[in-house]
Amino acid sequence: MIEVLLPQTVVTVEAYGHESVDAPLYPEEAALVARAVAKRRREFAVVRSCARRAMEKLGVPPQPILPGERGAPRWPAGLAGSMTHCDGYCAAAVVRATDLASLGIDAEAHGPLPEGVLPAVSLPAEAERLRRLAAQRPDVHWDRLLFSAKESVYKAWFPLTGKWLDFTEADIEISAAPGEHLRGTFRATLLVPGPRVGDRRLGHFDGHWTADRGLVATAVAVPHG
């Protein structure tokens, strides 16, 4: 799912129904989740297994992937990447830092958000656009898609800024592609000063989305130029 949302320079590895995936941890990783519940330990391990397999495809030897500030993964020098996991699905996307400035991915179960969550994570204009989209395509849980898109935007934002980005500090407009396939694009207009990439300051992030196999997935790739 994630692969179709990103440029070809990005290596992605996914795991579905990951109970059978062999995902050993390095000791320093295992120490971080030693007291976590079994589900958390499993997802932590499987998503890192995906990331290490992606790194190997880029010629980077396996090594620990430890969380840094605000939990963002610390990638080896010369790489950029992102990871995501939800029930029954894990994915990692890795790219050479010379090919992209940053990237973010997110996957969620394709169902409605819990009651009360949408008002906390959306702007009034976003909520109104979701109502229009729901009238056109009721087979998509647009509230969950918006949440996922905001997660991907944040994951792409944080490595460039080292700062928090609130749900209400980016205004996301989602578009659906014509046809039967559930996929499309979105643009996140930043409502705070954007990061500087090269000689330009970003005012927005562009992303892609898809819904399939009971999941909704989003991705943002930030080019250098």
Protein backbone atom coordinates (compact mmCIF):
# COMPACT_ATOMS: atom_id res chain seq x y z
CA MET A 1 0.00 0.00 0.00
CA ILE A 2 2.68 2.48 0.99
CA GLU A 3 4.85 1.85 -2.06
CA VAL A 4 2.31 3.30 -4.51
CA LEU A 5 2.19 6.55 -2.54
CA LEU A 6 5.89 7.42 -2.70
CA PRO A 7 8.58 8.16 -5.32
CA GLN A 8 10.52 5.23 -6.75
CA THR A 9 13.66 6.30 -4.88
CA VAL A 10 11.96 5.28 -1.61
CA VAL A 11 12.31 1.67 -0.45
CA THR A 12 9.28 0.34 1.43
CA VAL A 13 8.74 -2.92 3.32
CA GLU A 14 5.37 -3.98 4.75
CA ALA A 15 4.16 -6.78 7.00
CA TYR A 16 0.54 -7.92 7.18
CA GLY A 17 -0.75 -10.10 9.97
CA HIS A 18 2.70 -9.88 11.53
CA GLU A 19 2.35 -12.54 14.21
CA SER A 20 4.50 -14.89 12.08
CA VAL A 21 7.24 -12.36 11.22
CA ASP A 22 10.69 -13.11 12.69
CA ALA A 23 11.60 -9.79 14.27
CA PRO A 24 14.44 -9.98 16.80
CA LEU A 25 15.45 -6.79 18.59
CA TYR A 26 18.87 -5.47 19.49
CA PRO A 27 19.43 -5.39 23.27
CA GLU A 28 19.17 -1.61 23.46
CA GLU A 29 15.85 -1.73 21.59
CA ALA A 30 14.49 -4.57 23.72
CA ALA A 31 15.26 -2.59 26.87
CA LEU A 32 12.94 0.19 25.72
CA VAL A 33 9.88 -2.07 25.55
CA ALA A 34 10.76 -4.59 28.28
CA ARG A 35 7.78 -3.50 30.39
CA ALA A 36 5.37 -2.87 27.52
CA VAL A 37 2.40 -5.11 26.81
CA ALA A 38 2.92 -7.93 24.31
CA LYS A 39 1.10 -6.15 21.47
CA ARG A 40 3.30 -3.06 21.84
CA ARG A 41 6.47 -5.15 21.95
CA ARG A 42 5.43 -7.06 18.83
CA GLU A 43 4.61 -3.96 16.79
CA PHE A 44 7.81 -2.26 17.96
CA ALA A 45 9.83 -5.27 16.80
CA VAL A 46 8.06 -5.93 13.49
CA VAL A 47 8.17 -2.35 12.27
CA ARG A 48 11.91 -2.27 12.98
CA SER A 49 12.33 -5.51 11.10
CA CYS A 50 10.63 -3.83 8.14
CA ALA A 51 12.94 -0.83 8.47
CA ARG A 52 16.09 -2.97 8.61
CA ARG A 53 15.03 -4.90 5.51
CA ALA A 54 14.46 -1.59 3.71
CA MET A 55 17.87 -0.32 4.84
CA GLU A 56 19.55 -3.50 3.56
CA LYS A 57 18.03 -2.88 0.12
CA LEU A 58 19.87 0.46 0.16
CA GLY A 59 23.12 -1.23 1.15
CA VAL A 60 23.00 -0.13 4.79
CA PRO A 61 23.84 -2.90 7.29
CA PRO A 62 21.29 -3.83 9.98
CA GLN A 63 21.59 -1.80 13.16
CA PRO A 64 19.43 -0.55 16.04
CA ILE A 65 16.76 2.02 15.28
CA LEU A 66 16.23 3.90 18.51
CA PRO A 67 13.63 6.58 19.18
CA GLY A 68 14.91 10.10 19.58
CA GLU A 69 13.15 13.30 20.58
CA ARG A 70 9.35 12.90 20.72
CA GLY A 71 9.76 9.28 19.69
CA ALA A 72 10.93 10.02 16.14
CA PRO A 73 13.23 7.23 14.87
CA ARG A 74 16.94 8.06 14.65
CA TRP A 75 18.06 6.89 11.22
CA PRO A 76 21.67 6.14 10.25
CA ALA A 77 23.61 9.00 8.70
CA GLY A 78 22.68 9.50 5.07
CA LEU A 79 19.15 8.12 5.39
CA ALA A 80 15.68 9.54 5.95
CA GLY A 81 12.69 7.44 6.77
CA SER A 82 9.39 6.86 8.51
CA MET A 83 7.57 3.96 10.17
CA THR A 84 3.96 3.17 10.98
CA HIS A 85 1.95 0.37 12.54
CA CYS A 86 -1.63 -0.49 13.40
CA ASP A 87 -3.53 -3.73 14.08
CA GLY A 88 -2.23 -6.36 11.65
CA TYR A 89 -0.02 -4.04 9.63
CA CYS A 90 3.46 -2.54 9.89
CA ALA A 91 5.43 -0.60 7.30
CA ALA A 92 8.68 1.29 6.95
CA ALA A 93 9.86 3.63 4.20
CA VAL A 94 13.54 4.57 3.82
CA VAL A 95 15.33 6.78 1.31
CA ARG A 96 18.78 8.22 0.82
CA ALA A 97 18.91 11.73 2.25
CA THR A 98 20.30 12.96 -1.07
CA ASP A 99 17.05 11.93 -2.79
CA LEU A 100 14.49 13.45 -0.38
CA ALA A 101 14.63 16.06 2.36
CA SER A 102 12.10 14.18 4.50
CA LEU A 103 9.17 11.79 4.35
CA GLY A 104 6.29 10.64 6.51
CA ILE A 105 3.96 7.64 6.32
CA ASP A 106 0.94 6.56 8.34
CA ALA A 107 -1.56 3.69 8.23
CA GLU A 108 -4.80 3.34 10.17
CA ALA A 109 -7.69 0.91 10.35
CA HIS A 110 -10.26 2.12 7.83
CA GLY A 111 -13.05 2.94 10.22
CA PRO A 112 -14.59 6.06 11.75
CA LEU A 113 -12.69 8.01 14.39
CA PRO A 114 -13.94 7.60 17.97
CA GLU A 115 -16.63 10.07 18.93
CA GLY A 116 -15.25 13.47 19.88
CA VAL A 117 -11.87 13.05 18.17
CA LEU A 118 -12.60 14.86 14.91
CA PRO A 119 -13.38 18.25 16.53
CA ALA A 120 -10.08 18.00 18.43
CA VAL A 121 -7.94 17.35 15.36
CA SER A 122 -9.67 19.33 12.61
CA LEU A 123 -10.27 22.92 11.61
CA PRO A 124 -13.83 24.08 10.81
CA ALA A 125 -12.94 24.39 7.11
CA GLU A 126 -11.56 20.84 7.10
CA ALA A 127 -14.67 19.44 8.75
CA GLU A 128 -16.87 21.15 6.17
CA ARG A 129 -14.81 19.73 3.30
CA LEU A 130 -15.08 16.25 4.84
CA ARG A 131 -18.86 16.56 4.86
CA ARG A 132 -18.83 17.35 1.14
CA LEU A 133 -16.50 14.43 0.41
CA ALA A 134 -18.68 12.05 2.43
CA ALA A 135 -21.69 13.04 0.35
CA GLN A 136 -19.75 12.21 -2.83
CA ARG A 137 -17.92 9.07 -1.65
CA PRO A 138 -19.61 7.55 1.42
CA ASP A 139 -17.41 4.44 1.13
CA VAL A 140 -14.43 6.34 2.58
CA HIS A 141 -14.06 7.22 6.27
CA TRP A 142 -12.81 10.72 5.55
CA ASP A 143 -12.35 11.62 9.21
CA ARG A 144 -9.88 8.75 9.65
CA LEU A 145 -8.16 9.73 6.41
CA LEU A 146 -7.74 13.30 7.63
CA PHE A 147 -6.25 12.05 10.90
CA SER A 148 -3.81 9.82 9.01
CA ALA A 149 -2.79 12.65 6.68
CA LYS A 150 -2.04 14.88 9.67
CA GLU A 151 0.12 12.12 11.15
CA SER A 152 2.10 11.81 7.90
CA VAL A 153 2.52 15.58 7.70
CA TYR A 154 3.86 15.70 11.26
CA LYS A 155 6.30 12.85 10.60
CA ALA A 156 7.66 14.71 7.58
CA TRP A 157 7.71 18.04 9.43
CA PHE A 158 9.51 17.04 12.61
CA PRO A 159 12.88 15.95 11.12
CA LEU A 160 13.07 19.29 9.32
CA THR A 161 12.21 21.45 12.31
CA GLY A 162 12.66 19.53 15.56
CA LYS A 163 9.40 21.18 16.66
CA TRP A 164 5.88 20.07 17.50
CA LEU A 165 3.17 20.71 14.90
CA ASP A 166 -0.34 20.83 16.32
CA PHE A 167 -3.25 19.25 14.47
CA THR A 168 -4.70 22.74 13.97
CA GLU A 169 -1.50 24.22 12.52
CA ALA A 170 -1.92 22.62 9.10
CA ASP A 171 -5.04 22.94 6.94
CA ILE A 172 -5.44 19.79 4.84
CA GLU A 173 -7.50 19.64 1.67
CA ILE A 174 -8.11 16.12 0.36
CA SER A 175 -8.90 15.23 -3.23
CA ALA A 176 -10.20 11.91 -4.53
CA ALA A 177 -9.07 10.48 -7.85
CA PRO A 178 -11.88 9.59 -10.29
CA GLY A 179 -12.74 5.94 -10.78
CA GLU A 180 -13.37 2.95 -8.57
CA HIS A 181 -10.01 2.84 -6.79
CA LEU A 182 -9.95 4.57 -3.41
CA ARG A 183 -6.96 6.84 -3.76
CA GLY A 184 -6.08 10.48 -4.22
CA THR A 185 -3.94 13.36 -3.07
CA PHE A 186 -3.92 15.99 -0.34
CA ARG A 187 -2.24 19.31 0.34
CA ALA A 188 -1.39 20.49 3.86
CA THR A 189 -1.12 24.26 3.98
CA LEU A 190 1.03 25.23 6.94
CA LEU A 191 -0.50 27.85 9.22
CA VAL A 192 2.82 28.46 10.98
CA PRO A 193 6.20 29.33 9.42
CA GLY A 194 7.36 26.32 7.45
CA PRO A 195 10.81 24.73 7.49
CA ARG A 196 13.57 25.93 5.20
CA VAL A 197 14.66 23.36 2.64
CA GLY A 198 17.61 24.51 0.58
CA ASP A 199 16.97 28.09 -0.48
CA ARG A 200 13.20 28.02 0.02
CA ARG A 201 10.79 28.05 2.92
CA LEU A 202 7.99 25.54 2.61
CA GLY A 203 4.42 26.77 2.80
CA HIS A 204 2.76 23.41 2.28
CA PHE A 205 3.31 19.65 2.09
CA ASP A 206 1.82 17.49 -0.66
CA GLY A 207 0.81 13.88 -0.10
CA HIS A 208 -0.99 10.85 -1.47
CA TRP A 209 -3.51 8.47 0.07
CA THR A 210 -5.13 5.12 -0.59
CA ALA A 211 -7.68 2.88 1.10
CA ASP A 212 -7.52 -0.89 0.65
CA ARG A 213 -7.55 -4.19 2.58
CA GLY A 214 -9.33 -2.59 5.53
CA LEU A 215 -6.68 0.12 5.92
CA VAL A 216 -6.19 3.73 4.97
CA ALA A 217 -2.63 4.86 4.27
CA THR A 218 -1.09 8.27 3.64
CA ALA A 219 2.38 9.47 2.70
CA VAL A 220 4.25 12.74 2.31
CA ALA A 221 7.53 13.09 0.43
CA VAL A 222 9.43 16.37 0.72
CA PRO A 223 11.81 17.03 -2.19
CA HIS A 224 15.00 19.06 -1.89
CA GLY A 225 14.20 21.42 -4.76
